[in-house]
PDB file of N, CA and C in Angstrom:
ATOM      1  N   UNK A   1      26.736   6.143  -1.459  1.00  0.00           N
ATOM      2  CA  UNK A   1      25.453   5.425  -1.683  1.00  0.00           C
ATOM      3  C   UNK A   1      25.474   5.664  -2.716  1.00  0.00           C
ATOM      4  N   UNK A   2      24.523   6.047  -2.773  1.00  0.00           N
ATOM      5  CA  UNK A   2      24.144   6.605  -4.825  1.00  0.00           C
ATOM      6  C   UNK A   2      22.701   6.898  -4.691  1.00  0.00           C
ATOM      7  N   UNK A   3      22.278   7.645  -5.687  1.00  0.00           N
ATOM      8  CA  UNK A   3      20.709   7.835  -5.174  1.00  0.00           C
ATOM      9  C   UNK A   3      20.385   7.179  -6.327  1.00  0.00           C
ATOM     10  N   UNK A   4      18.714   7.738  -6.992  1.00  0.00           N
ATOM     11  CA  UNK A   4      17.789   7.126  -8.161  1.00  0.00           C
ATOM     12  C   UNK A   4      16.630   8.079  -7.936  1.00  0.00           C
ATOM     13  N   UNK A   5      16.278   8.532  -9.618  1.00  0.00           N
ATOM     14  CA  UNK A   5      14.768   8.911  -9.820  1.00  0.00           C
ATOM     15  C   UNK A   5      14.072   8.733 -10.360  1.00  0.00           C
ATOM     16  N   UNK A   6      13.557   8.665  -9.882  1.00  0.00           N
ATOM     17  CA  UNK A   6      11.878   8.735 -11.097  1.00  0.00           C
ATOM     18  C   UNK A   6      10.580   9.976 -11.279  1.00  0.00           C
ATOM     19  N   UNK A   7      10.777   9.536 -12.045  1.00  0.00           N
ATOM     20  CA  UNK A   7       9.151  10.742 -12.006  1.00  0.00           C
ATOM     21  C   UNK A   7       8.495  12.126 -13.323  1.00  0.00           C
ATOM     22  N   UNK A   8       7.892  12.817 -13.286  1.00  0.00           N
ATOM     23  CA  UNK A   8       8.249  13.550 -14.301  1.00  0.00           C
ATOM     24  C   UNK A   8       8.377  15.104 -13.152  1.00  0.00           C
ATOM     25  N   UNK A   9       9.353  16.286 -13.561  1.00  0.00           N
ATOM     26  CA  UNK A   9       9.280  16.959 -13.026  1.00  0.00           C
ATOM     27  C   UNK A   9       7.654  17.763 -12.293  1.00  0.00           C
ATOM     28  N   UNK A  10       6.942  17.719 -12.760  1.00  0.00           N
ATOM     29  CA  UNK A  10       5.612  18.846 -12.081  1.00  0.00           C
ATOM     30  C   UNK A  10       5.006  17.634 -11.151  1.00  0.00           C
ATOM     31  N   UNK A  11       5.845  16.858 -10.876  1.00  0.00           N
ATOM     32  CA  UNK A  11       4.577  15.618  -9.581  1.00  0.00           C
ATOM     33  C   UNK A  11       6.145  15.406  -8.859  1.00  0.00           C
ATOM     34  N   UNK A  12       5.495  14.982  -8.152  1.00  0.00           N
ATOM     35  CA  UNK A  12       6.425  14.450  -6.723  1.00  0.00           C
ATOM     36  C   UNK A  12       7.655  13.479  -7.349  1.00  0.00           C
ATOM     37  N   UNK A  13       8.677  14.110  -6.875  1.00  0.00           N
ATOM     38  CA  UNK A  13       9.789  13.464  -7.247  1.00  0.00           C
ATOM     39  C   UNK A  13      10.009  12.678  -6.411  1.00  0.00           C
ATOM     40  N   UNK A  14      10.824  11.553  -6.777  1.00  0.00           N
ATOM     41  CA  UNK A  14      11.546  10.780  -4.985  1.00  0.00           C
ATOM     42  C   UNK A  14      12.580  10.609  -6.081  1.00  0.00           C
ATOM     43  N   UNK A  15      13.579  11.237  -4.102  1.00  0.00           N
ATOM     44  CA  UNK A  15      14.988  10.489  -4.504  1.00  0.00           C
ATOM     45  C   UNK A  15      15.469   9.265  -3.060  1.00  0.00           C
ATOM     46  N   UNK A  16      16.169   8.369  -4.231  1.00  0.00           N
ATOM     47  CA  UNK A  16      17.053   7.742  -2.710  1.00  0.00           C
ATOM     48  C   UNK A  16      17.515   7.013  -2.548  1.00  0.00           C
ATOM     49  N   UNK A  17      17.914   7.021  -1.288  1.00  0.00           N
ATOM     50  CA  UNK A  17      19.899   6.499  -0.929  1.00  0.00           C
ATOM     51  C   UNK A  17      19.772   4.915  -0.370  1.00  0.00           C
ATOM     52  N   UNK A  18      20.530   4.764  -0.734  1.00  0.00           N
ATOM     53  CA  UNK A  18      21.182   3.102  -0.576  1.00  0.00           C
ATOM     54  C   UNK A  18      22.584   2.702  -0.678  1.00  0.00           C
ATOM     55  N   UNK A  19      22.399   2.616   0.371  1.00  0.00           N
ATOM     56  CA  UNK A  19      23.779   1.896   1.011  1.00  0.00           C
ATOM     57  C   UNK A  19      24.108   0.387   1.741  1.00  0.00           C
ATOM     58  N   UNK A  20      25.133   0.209   0.419  1.00  0.00           N
ATOM     59  CA  UNK A  20      25.449  -1.118   0.190  1.00  0.00           C
ATOM     60  C   UNK A  20      24.994  -1.794   0.062  1.00  0.00           C
ATOM     61  N   UNK A  21      23.841  -1.738  -0.747  1.00  0.00           N
ATOM     62  CA  UNK A  21      22.097  -2.564  -1.858  1.00  0.00           C
ATOM     63  C   UNK A  21      20.907  -2.544  -0.792  1.00  0.00           C
ATOM     64  N   UNK A  22      20.970  -1.307   0.646  1.00  0.00           N
ATOM     65  CA  UNK A  22      19.776  -1.136   1.036  1.00  0.00           C
ATOM     66  C   UNK A  22      19.312   0.043   1.122  1.00  0.00           C
ATOM     67  N   UNK A  23      18.184   0.580   1.025  1.00  0.00           N
ATOM     68  CA  UNK A  23      18.336   1.587   1.362  1.00  0.00           C
ATOM     69  C   UNK A  23      18.015   2.289   2.296  1.00  0.00           C
ATOM     70  N   UNK A  24      18.454   3.380   2.665  1.00  0.00           N
ATOM     71  CA  UNK A  24      19.131   4.097   4.002  1.00  0.00           C
ATOM     72  C   UNK A  24      18.255   5.666   3.802  1.00  0.00           C
ATOM     73  N   UNK A  25      17.595   5.775   3.194  1.00  0.00           N
ATOM     74  CA  UNK A  25      16.298   7.669   3.692  1.00  0.00           C
ATOM     75  C   UNK A  25      15.947   8.270   2.158  1.00  0.00           C
ATOM     76  N   UNK A  26      15.062   7.966   1.877  1.00  0.00           N
ATOM     77  CA  UNK A  26      13.995   8.869   0.741  1.00  0.00           C
ATOM     78  C   UNK A  26      14.087  10.216   0.638  1.00  0.00           C
ATOM     79  N   UNK A  27      13.663  11.053   0.005  1.00  0.00           N
ATOM     80  CA  UNK A  27      13.315  12.541   0.065  1.00  0.00           C
ATOM     81  C   UNK A  27      12.329  12.657  -1.231  1.00  0.00           C
ATOM     82  N   UNK A  28      10.915  13.630  -0.650  1.00  0.00           N
ATOM     83  CA  UNK A  28      10.141  13.796  -1.662  1.00  0.00           C
ATOM     84  C   UNK A  28      10.176  14.745  -2.418  1.00  0.00           C
ATOM     85  N   UNK A  29      10.351  16.062  -3.328  1.00  0.00           N
ATOM     86  CA  UNK A  29      10.622  16.948  -3.928  1.00  0.00           C
ATOM     87  C   UNK A  29       9.220  17.031  -4.926  1.00  0.00           C
ATOM     88  N   UNK A  30       8.684  18.611  -4.713  1.00  0.00           N
ATOM     89  CA  UNK A  30       7.623  18.988  -6.267  1.00  0.00           C
ATOM     90  C   UNK A  30       8.356  20.636  -6.700  1.00  0.00           C
ATOM     91  N   UNK A  31       7.833  20.101  -7.452  1.00  0.00           N
ATOM     92  CA  UNK A  31       8.547  21.976  -8.139  1.00  0.00           C
ATOM     93  C   UNK A  31       7.018  22.844  -8.171  1.00  0.00           C
ATOM     94  N   UNK A  32       7.385  23.698  -7.023  1.00  0.00           N
ATOM     95  CA  UNK A  32       6.378  24.847  -7.732  1.00  0.00           C
ATOM     96  C   UNK A  32       7.571  26.770  -8.099  1.00  0.00           C
ATOM     97  N   UNK A  33       6.757  26.211  -9.667  1.00  0.00           N
ATOM     98  CA  UNK A  33       7.564  28.076 -10.181  1.00  0.00           C
ATOM     99  C   UNK A  33       8.595  27.731  -9.758  1.00  0.00           C
ATOM    100  N   UNK A  34       9.947  28.584  -9.210  1.00  0.00           N
ATOM    101  CA  UNK A  34      10.879  29.038  -9.658  1.00  0.00           C
ATOM    102  C   UNK A  34      11.828  28.384  -8.269  1.00  0.00           C
ATOM    103  N   UNK A  35      10.648  27.339  -7.648  1.00  0.00           N
ATOM    104  CA  UNK A  35      11.309  27.060  -6.438  1.00  0.00           C
ATOM    105  C   UNK A  35      10.998  25.436  -6.234  1.00  0.00           C
ATOM    106  N   UNK A  36      11.942  24.544  -5.404  1.00  0.00           N
ATOM    107  CA  UNK A  36      10.617  23.419  -4.742  1.00  0.00           C
ATOM    108  C   UNK A  36      10.681  22.933  -3.922  1.00  0.00           C
ATOM    109  N   UNK A  37       9.104  22.595  -3.428  1.00  0.00           N
ATOM    110  CA  UNK A  37       9.121  22.341  -2.328  1.00  0.00           C
ATOM    111  C   UNK A  37       9.452  21.078  -1.879  1.00  0.00           C
ATOM    112  N   UNK A  38      10.584  20.559  -0.451  1.00  0.00           N
ATOM    113  CA  UNK A  38      11.033  19.706  -0.240  1.00  0.00           C
ATOM    114  C   UNK A  38       9.666  18.635   0.538  1.00  0.00           C
ATOM    115  N   UNK A  39       8.988  17.862   0.206  1.00  0.00           N
ATOM    116  CA  UNK A  39       7.800  17.445   1.210  1.00  0.00           C
ATOM    117  C   UNK A  39       7.961  16.851   2.131  1.00  0.00           C
ATOM    118  N   UNK A  40       8.895  15.642   2.605  1.00  0.00           N
ATOM    119  CA  UNK A  40       9.552  15.161   3.285  1.00  0.00           C
ATOM    120  C   UNK A  40      10.326  14.166   3.038  1.00  0.00           C
ATOM    121  N   UNK A  41      11.456  14.312   3.598  1.00  0.00           N
ATOM    122  CA  UNK A  41      12.861  13.656   3.754  1.00  0.00           C
ATOM    123  C   UNK A  41      13.014  12.631   5.009  1.00  0.00           C
ATOM    124  N   UNK A  42      13.419  11.292   5.155  1.00  0.00           N
ATOM    125  CA  UNK A  42      13.060   9.924   5.421  1.00  0.00           C
ATOM    126  C   UNK A  42      14.426   9.621   6.088  1.00  0.00           C
ATOM    127  N   UNK A  43      14.460   8.992   6.500  1.00  0.00           N
ATOM    128  CA  UNK A  43      16.139   8.144   6.979  1.00  0.00           C
ATOM    129  C   UNK A  43      15.965   6.913   7.631  1.00  0.00           C
ATOM    130  N   UNK A  44      16.378   5.774   7.839  1.00  0.00           N
ATOM    131  CA  UNK A  44      15.877   5.114   8.403  1.00  0.00           C
ATOM    132  C   UNK A  44      16.572   4.870   9.519  1.00  0.00           C
ATOM    133  N   UNK A  45      15.623   4.301  10.644  1.00  0.00           N
ATOM    134  CA  UNK A  45      16.726   4.360  12.244  1.00  0.00           C
ATOM    135  C   UNK A  45      17.527   3.595  12.346  1.00  0.00           C
ATOM    136  N   UNK A  46      18.268   2.681  11.389  1.00  0.00           N
ATOM    137  CA  UNK A  46      19.599   2.159  11.857  1.00  0.00           C
ATOM    138  C   UNK A  46      20.852   3.038  10.802  1.00  0.00           C
ATOM    139  N   UNK A  47      20.502   4.498   9.720  1.00  0.00           N
ATOM    140  CA  UNK A  47      21.262   4.861   9.186  1.00  0.00           C
ATOM    141  C   UNK A  47      21.002   6.215  10.238  1.00  0.00           C
ATOM    142  N   UNK A  48      20.517   6.563  10.722  1.00  0.00           N
ATOM    143  CA  UNK A  48      20.081   7.923  11.003  1.00  0.00           C
ATOM    144  C   UNK A  48      21.673   8.356  12.031  1.00  0.00           C
ATOM    145  N   UNK A  49      22.080   9.570  11.730  1.00  0.00           N
ATOM    146  CA  UNK A  49      23.411  10.247  12.028  1.00  0.00           C
ATOM    147  C   UNK A  49      24.536  10.070  11.471  1.00  0.00           C
ATOM    148  N   UNK A  50      24.270   9.704  10.181  1.00  0.00           N
ATOM    149  CA  UNK A  50      25.258   8.728   9.516  1.00  0.00           C
ATOM    150  C   UNK A  50      25.417   9.334   8.272  1.00  0.00           C
ATOM    151  N   UNK A  51      25.142  10.566   8.172  1.00  0.00           N
ATOM    152  CA  UNK A  51      24.934  11.764   6.957  1.00  0.00           C
ATOM    153  C   UNK A  51      24.180  10.681   5.703  1.00  0.00           C
ATOM    154  N   UNK A  52      23.501   9.968   5.403  1.00  0.00           N
ATOM    155  CA  UNK A  52      22.315  10.193   5.383  1.00  0.00           C
ATOM    156  C   UNK A  52      21.101  11.625   4.819  1.00  0.00           C
ATOM    157  N   UNK A  53      20.787  11.850   5.577  1.00  0.00           N
ATOM    158  CA  UNK A  53      19.939  13.096   5.353  1.00  0.00           C
ATOM    159  C   UNK A  53      20.537  14.025   4.760  1.00  0.00           C
ATOM    160  N   UNK A  54      21.842  13.903   5.082  1.00  0.00           N
ATOM    161  CA  UNK A  54      22.808  15.657   4.767  1.00  0.00           C
ATOM    162  C   UNK A  54      23.591  15.034   3.524  1.00  0.00           C
ATOM    163  N   UNK A  55      23.064  14.083   2.937  1.00  0.00           N
ATOM    164  CA  UNK A  55      23.449  13.440   1.349  1.00  0.00           C
ATOM    165  C   UNK A  55      21.942  13.624   1.017  1.00  0.00           C
ATOM    166  N   UNK A  56      20.822  13.489   1.427  1.00  0.00           N
ATOM    167  CA  UNK A  56      19.984  13.995   0.016  1.00  0.00           C
ATOM    168  C   UNK A  56      19.184  14.955   0.445  1.00  0.00           C
ATOM    169  N   UNK A  57      19.913  15.744   1.519  1.00  0.00           N
ATOM    170  CA  UNK A  57      19.145  17.237   1.073  1.00  0.00           C
ATOM    171  C   UNK A  57      20.470  17.653   0.003  1.00  0.00           C
ATOM    172  N   UNK A  58      21.758  17.949   0.279  1.00  0.00           N
ATOM    173  CA  UNK A  58      22.628  18.543  -0.992  1.00  0.00           C
ATOM    174  C   UNK A  58      21.683  17.229  -2.410  1.00  0.00           C
ATOM    175  N   UNK A  59      21.169  16.074  -2.548  1.00  0.00           N
ATOM    176  CA  UNK A  59      20.874  15.446  -3.502  1.00  0.00           C
ATOM    177  C   UNK A  59      20.089  16.967  -4.051  1.00  0.00           C
ATOM    178  N   UNK A  60      19.017  16.928  -3.401  1.00  0.00           N
ATOM    179  CA  UNK A  60      17.509  17.481  -3.565  1.00  0.00           C
ATOM    180  C   UNK A  60      18.356  18.684  -4.107  1.00  0.00           C
ATOM    181  N   UNK A  61      18.703  19.492  -4.155  1.00  0.00           N
ATOM    182  CA  UNK A  61      19.072  20.493  -4.193  1.00  0.00           C
ATOM    183  C   UNK A  61      19.658  20.768  -5.444  1.00  0.00           C
ATOM    184  N   UNK A  62      19.988  19.857  -5.789  1.00  0.00           N
ATOM    185  CA  UNK A  62      20.213  19.937  -7.284  1.00  0.00           C
ATOM    186  C   UNK A  62      19.829  19.025  -8.324  1.00  0.00           C
ATOM    187  N   UNK A  63      18.440  18.445  -7.967  1.00  0.00           N
ATOM    188  CA  UNK A  63      17.792  17.890  -8.926  1.00  0.00           C
ATOM    189  C   UNK A  63      17.254  19.062 -10.069  1.00  0.00           C
ATOM    190  N   UNK A  64      17.313  19.821 -10.242  1.00  0.00           N
ATOM    191  CA  UNK A  64      16.141  20.915 -10.945  1.00  0.00           C
ATOM    192  C   UNK A  64      17.059  22.465 -10.656  1.00  0.00           C
ATOM    193  N   UNK A  65      18.304  22.221 -12.274  1.00  0.00           N
ATOM    194  CA  UNK A  65      19.432  23.318 -11.774  1.00  0.00           C
ATOM    195  C   UNK A  65      19.640  24.673 -11.898  1.00  0.00           C
ATOM    196  N   UNK A  66      17.621  24.870 -13.288  1.00  0.00           N
ATOM    197  CA  UNK A  66      17.465  25.917 -12.560  1.00  0.00           C
ATOM    198  C   UNK A  66      16.228  26.662 -11.770  1.00  0.00           C
ATOM    199  N   UNK A  67      16.275  26.140 -10.516  1.00  0.00           N
ATOM    200  CA  UNK A  67      15.450  26.607  -9.120  1.00  0.00           C
ATOM    201  C   UNK A  67      16.359  27.391  -9.228  1.00  0.00           C
ATOM    202  N   UNK A  68      15.814  28.417  -7.435  1.00  0.00           N
ATOM    203  CA  UNK A  68      16.144  29.371  -7.400  1.00  0.00           C
ATOM    204  C   UNK A  68      16.044  29.161  -5.841  1.00  0.00           C
ATOM    205  N   UNK A  69      15.439  29.034  -5.044  1.00  0.00           N
ATOM    206  CA  UNK A  69      14.908  28.678  -4.035  1.00  0.00           C
ATOM    207  C   UNK A  69      14.403  26.823  -3.300  1.00  0.00           C
ATOM    208  N   UNK A  70      14.735  26.413  -2.860  1.00  0.00           N
ATOM    209  CA  UNK A  70      14.094  25.557  -1.796  1.00  0.00           C
ATOM    210  C   UNK A  70      13.750  25.628  -0.548  1.00  0.00           C
ATOM    211  N   UNK A  71      12.084  25.252   0.027  1.00  0.00           N
ATOM    212  CA  UNK A  71      11.219  25.068   0.862  1.00  0.00           C
ATOM    213  C   UNK A  71      11.260  24.475   1.410  1.00  0.00           C
ATOM    214  N   UNK A  72      10.938  24.196   2.934  1.00  0.00           N
ATOM    215  CA  UNK A  72      11.261  22.526   4.075  1.00  0.00           C
ATOM    216  C   UNK A  72      10.542  23.441   4.961  1.00  0.00           C
ATOM    217  N   UNK A  73       9.713  22.546   5.052  1.00  0.00           N
ATOM    218  CA  UNK A  73       8.467  22.879   6.596  1.00  0.00           C
ATOM    219  C   UNK A  73       9.212  21.201   7.033  1.00  0.00           C
ATOM    220  N   UNK A  74       8.731  21.515   8.803  1.00  0.00           N
ATOM    221  CA  UNK A  74       8.954  20.494  10.033  1.00  0.00           C
ATOM    222  C   UNK A  74       8.728  21.478  11.162  1.00  0.00           C
ATOM    223  N   UNK A  75       7.927  20.261  11.526  1.00  0.00           N
ATOM    224  CA  UNK A  75       7.977  19.938  13.330  1.00  0.00           C
ATOM    225  C   UNK A  75       8.434  21.635  13.932  1.00  0.00           C
ATOM    226  N   UNK A  76       8.163  21.939  14.630  1.00  0.00           N
ATOM    227  CA  UNK A  76       8.860  22.786  15.634  1.00  0.00           C
ATOM    228  C   UNK A  76       9.962  21.940  16.751  1.00  0.00           C
ATOM    229  N   UNK A  77       9.040  20.911  16.925  1.00  0.00           N
ATOM    230  CA  UNK A  77      10.031  19.937  17.816  1.00  0.00           C
ATOM    231  C   UNK A  77      10.908  18.332  17.138  1.00  0.00           C
ATOM    232  N   UNK A  78      10.586  19.140  16.005  1.00  0.00           N
ATOM    233  CA  UNK A  78      11.474  17.911  15.221  1.00  0.00           C
ATOM    234  C   UNK A  78      13.333  18.493  15.587  1.00  0.00           C
ATOM    235  N   UNK A  79      13.946  19.191  16.491  1.00  0.00           N
ATOM    236  CA  UNK A  79      15.414  19.603  16.584  1.00  0.00           C
ATOM    237  C   UNK A  79      16.631  19.065  15.695  1.00  0.00           C
ATOM    238  N   UNK A  80      15.965  17.854  15.443  1.00  0.00           N
ATOM    239  CA  UNK A  80      18.011  16.709  14.591  1.00  0.00           C
ATOM    240  C   UNK A  80      17.180  17.534  13.622  1.00  0.00           C
ATOM    241  N   UNK A  81      15.765  17.520  12.682  1.00  0.00           N
ATOM    242  CA  UNK A  81      15.324  18.295  11.382  1.00  0.00           C
ATOM    243  C   UNK A  81      16.362  19.636  11.014  1.00  0.00           C
ATOM    244  N   UNK A  82      15.927  20.558  12.390  1.00  0.00           N
ATOM    245  CA  UNK A  82      15.908  22.018  12.684  1.00  0.00           C
ATOM    246  C   UNK A  82      17.374  21.624  12.295  1.00  0.00           C
ATOM    247  N   UNK A  83      17.875  21.445  12.778  1.00  0.00           N
ATOM    248  CA  UNK A  83      19.900  21.313  13.173  1.00  0.00           C
ATOM    249  C   UNK A  83      20.315  20.714  11.920  1.00  0.00           C
ATOM    250  N   UNK A  84      19.329  19.987  11.555  1.00  0.00           N
ATOM    251  CA  UNK A  84      20.799  20.162   9.502  1.00  0.00           C
ATOM    252  C   UNK A  84      20.298  20.668   8.680  1.00  0.00           C
ATOM    253  N   UNK A  85      18.789  21.657   8.981  1.00  0.00           N
ATOM    254  CA  UNK A  85      18.313  21.980   7.855  1.00  0.00           C
ATOM    255  C   UNK A  85      19.133  23.546   8.007  1.00  0.00           C
ATOM    256  N   UNK A  86      19.483  24.203   9.647  1.00  0.00           N
ATOM    257  CA  UNK A  86      19.442  25.396   9.201  1.00  0.00           C
ATOM    258  C   UNK A  86      21.757  25.327   9.135  1.00  0.00           C
ATOM    259  N   UNK A  87      22.707  23.830   9.703  1.00  0.00           N
ATOM    260  CA  UNK A  87      23.356  23.592   9.097  1.00  0.00           C
ATOM    261  C   UNK A  87      23.892  23.693   7.886  1.00  0.00           C
ATOM    262  N   UNK A  88      22.901  23.784   6.910  1.00  0.00           N
ATOM    263  CA  UNK A  88      22.734  23.645   5.588  1.00  0.00           C
ATOM    264  C   UNK A  88      22.728  24.603   5.322  1.00  0.00           C
ATOM    265  N   UNK A  89      22.664  25.407   5.663  1.00  0.00           N
ATOM    266  CA  UNK A  89      22.599  27.582   5.240  1.00  0.00           C
ATOM    267  C   UNK A  89      20.241  27.300   5.017  1.00  0.00           C
ATOM    268  N   UNK A  90      19.839  26.685   5.545  1.00  0.00           N
ATOM    269  CA  UNK A  90      18.212  27.252   5.950  1.00  0.00           C
ATOM    270  C   UNK A  90      18.098  28.216   6.601  1.00  0.00           C
ATOM    271  N   UNK A  91      16.832  28.832   6.687  1.00  0.00           N
ATOM    272  CA  UNK A  91      16.873  30.277   7.285  1.00  0.00           C
ATOM    273  C   UNK A  91      14.864  29.988   7.674  1.00  0.00           C
ATOM    274  N   UNK A  92      14.485  30.009   8.924  1.00  0.00           N
ATOM    275  CA  UNK A  92      13.289  30.202   9.116  1.00  0.00           C
ATOM    276  C   UNK A  92      12.818  31.574   9.102  1.00  0.00           C
ATOM    277  N   UNK A  93      11.753  31.197   7.565  1.00  0.00           N
ATOM    278  CA  UNK A  93      10.438  31.618   7.190  1.00  0.00           C
ATOM    279  C   UNK A  93       9.197  32.326   8.010  1.00  0.00           C
ATOM    280  N   UNK A  94       9.119  31.291   8.419  1.00  0.00           N
ATOM    281  CA  UNK A  94       7.757  32.070   9.539  1.00  0.00           C
ATOM    282  C   UNK A  94       6.858  30.198  10.602  1.00  0.00           C
ATOM    283  N   UNK A  95       6.558  30.809  10.773  1.00  0.00           N
ATOM    284  CA  UNK A  95       5.729  29.534  11.650  1.00  0.00           C
ATOM    285  C   UNK A  95       4.394  29.846  11.730  1.00  0.00           C
ATOM    286  N   UNK A  96       3.805  27.914  11.465  1.00  0.00           N
ATOM    287  CA  UNK A  96       2.401  27.961  11.165  1.00  0.00           C
ATOM    288  C   UNK A  96       1.781  26.671  12.338  1.00  0.00           C
ATOM    289  N   UNK A  97       0.801  28.041  13.891  1.00  0.00           N
ATOM    290  CA  UNK A  97       0.610  26.950  14.443  1.00  0.00           C
ATOM    291  C   UNK A  97      -0.469  25.911  13.786  1.00  0.00           C
ATOM    292  N   UNK A  98      -0.117  24.627  14.127  1.00  0.00           N
ATOM    293  CA  UNK A  98      -1.272  23.698  14.935  1.00  0.00           C
ATOM    294  C   UNK A  98      -1.475  22.666  15.544  1.00  0.00           C
ATOM    295  N   UNK A  99      -2.547  22.748  16.328  1.00  0.00           N
ATOM    296  CA  UNK A  99      -2.821  22.582  18.178  1.00  0.00           C
ATOM    297  C   UNK A  99      -1.912  23.789  19.436  1.00  0.00           C
ATOM    298  N   UNK A 100      -0.859  22.025  19.470  1.00  0.00           N
ATOM    299  CA  UNK A 100      -0.176  22.853  20.449  1.00  0.00           C
ATOM    300  C   UNK A 100       1.071  22.773  20.023  1.00  0.00           C
ATOM    301  N   UNK A 101       1.295  22.814  18.695  1.00  0.00           N
ATOM    302  CA  UNK A 101       2.797  23.205  17.758  1.00  0.00           C
ATOM    303  C   UNK A 101       2.668  23.454  16.701  1.00  0.00           C
ATOM    304  N   UNK A 102       3.816  24.331  16.519  1.00  0.00           N
ATOM    305  CA  UNK A 102       4.161  25.042  14.710  1.00  0.00           C
ATOM    306  C   UNK A 102       4.475  24.863  14.041  1.00  0.00           C
ATOM    307  N   UNK A 103       4.062  24.139  12.345  1.00  0.00           N
ATOM    308  CA  UNK A 103       4.743  24.403  12.034  1.00  0.00           C
ATOM    309  C   UNK A 103       5.984  24.877  11.033  1.00  0.00           C
ATOM    310  N   UNK A 104       7.193  25.591  10.868  1.00  0.00           N
ATOM    311  CA  UNK A 104       8.694  26.074  10.864  1.00  0.00           C
ATOM    312  C   UNK A 104       9.144  25.543   9.709  1.00  0.00           C
ATOM    313  N   UNK A 105       8.941  27.000   8.861  1.00  0.00           N
ATOM    314  CA  UNK A 105       8.755  27.142   7.430  1.00  0.00           C
ATOM    315  C   UNK A 105      10.771  27.662   7.387  1.00  0.00           C
ATOM    316  N   UNK A 106      11.792  26.673   6.408  1.00  0.00           N
ATOM    317  CA  UNK A 106      12.642  27.703   5.991  1.00  0.00           C
ATOM    318  C   UNK A 106      12.849  26.654   4.386  1.00  0.00           C
ATOM    319  N   UNK A 107      13.949  27.978   4.594  1.00  0.00           N
ATOM    320  CA  UNK A 107      14.146  28.853   2.514  1.00  0.00           C
ATOM    321  C   UNK A 107      15.490  28.485   2.418  1.00  0.00           C
ATOM    322  N   UNK A 108      15.864  28.554   1.256  1.00  0.00           N
ATOM    323  CA  UNK A 108      17.513  28.347   1.337  1.00  0.00           C
ATOM    324  C   UNK A 108      17.607  28.942  -0.346  1.00  0.00           C
ATOM    325  N   UNK A 109      18.352  30.522  -0.605  1.00  0.00           N
ATOM    326  CA  UNK A 109      17.697  30.410  -2.003  1.00  0.00           C
ATOM    327  C   UNK A 109      19.103  29.657  -2.653  1.00  0.00           C
ATOM    328  N   UNK A 110      19.153  29.425  -4.046  1.00  0.00           N
ATOM    329  CA  UNK A 110      19.307  28.163  -4.905  1.00  0.00           C
ATOM    330  C   UNK A 110      20.697  29.178  -6.087  1.00  0.00           C
ATOM    331  N   UNK A 111      21.439  28.890  -6.504  1.00  0.00           N
ATOM    332  CA  UNK A 111      21.837  29.548  -7.615  1.00  0.00           C
ATOM    333  C   UNK A 111      21.743  28.213  -8.591  1.00  0.00           C
ATOM    334  N   UNK A 112      22.014  28.852 -10.303  1.00  0.00           N
ATOM    335  CA  UNK A 112      21.528  27.804 -11.517  1.00  0.00           C
ATOM    336  C   UNK A 112      22.585  26.809 -10.693  1.00  0.00           C
ATOM    337  N   UNK A 113      24.059  27.093 -10.272  1.00  0.00           N
ATOM    338  CA  UNK A 113      25.267  25.315 -10.642  1.00  0.00           C
ATOM    339  C   UNK A 113      25.148  25.337  -9.424  1.00  0.00           C
ATOM    340  N   UNK A 114      23.477  25.232  -7.883  1.00  0.00           N
ATOM    341  CA  UNK A 114      23.545  24.917  -7.272  1.00  0.00           C
ATOM    342  C   UNK A 114      23.135  25.711  -5.675  1.00  0.00           C
ATOM    343  N   UNK A 115      23.631  25.250  -4.560  1.00  0.00           N
ATOM    344  CA  UNK A 115      23.348  26.122  -3.630  1.00  0.00           C
ATOM    345  C   UNK A 115      24.562  27.074  -3.558  1.00  0.00           C
ATOM    346  N   UNK A 116      23.480  28.350  -2.890  1.00  0.00           N
ATOM    347  CA  UNK A 116      24.309  29.666  -3.215  1.00  0.00           C
ATOM    348  C   UNK A 116      25.345  28.688  -1.511  1.00  0.00           C
ATOM    349  N   UNK A 117      26.566  29.296  -1.333  1.00  0.00           N
ATOM    350  CA  UNK A 117      27.872  29.746  -0.934  1.00  0.00           C
ATOM    351  C   UNK A 117      27.816  30.566   0.583  1.00  0.00           C
TER     352      UNK A 117
END
């Protein structure tokens, strides 16, 4: 898998994963002060469960070496997303009610050399 990036650091920064020349997924990042918001991480259905999401998340954590925190949100019913984020070291920091469900907010502390161990 390889990745590619574009745009300016102060605007949403797309990252893409390609496997055998076909897109496998993408992630959108937005730098906000000393943190980065992961706005969306998507994996095409036929690539799910093959490590594409984990790859994109690891890549996202290295795009801005100076950041101190990665922030993510997902729906409370998105169990696969929550498992991925928790397995990758993200910690729930709160929930925002939206109609019949809640948005789960998670963060991960990062160092200048990448994710904290």
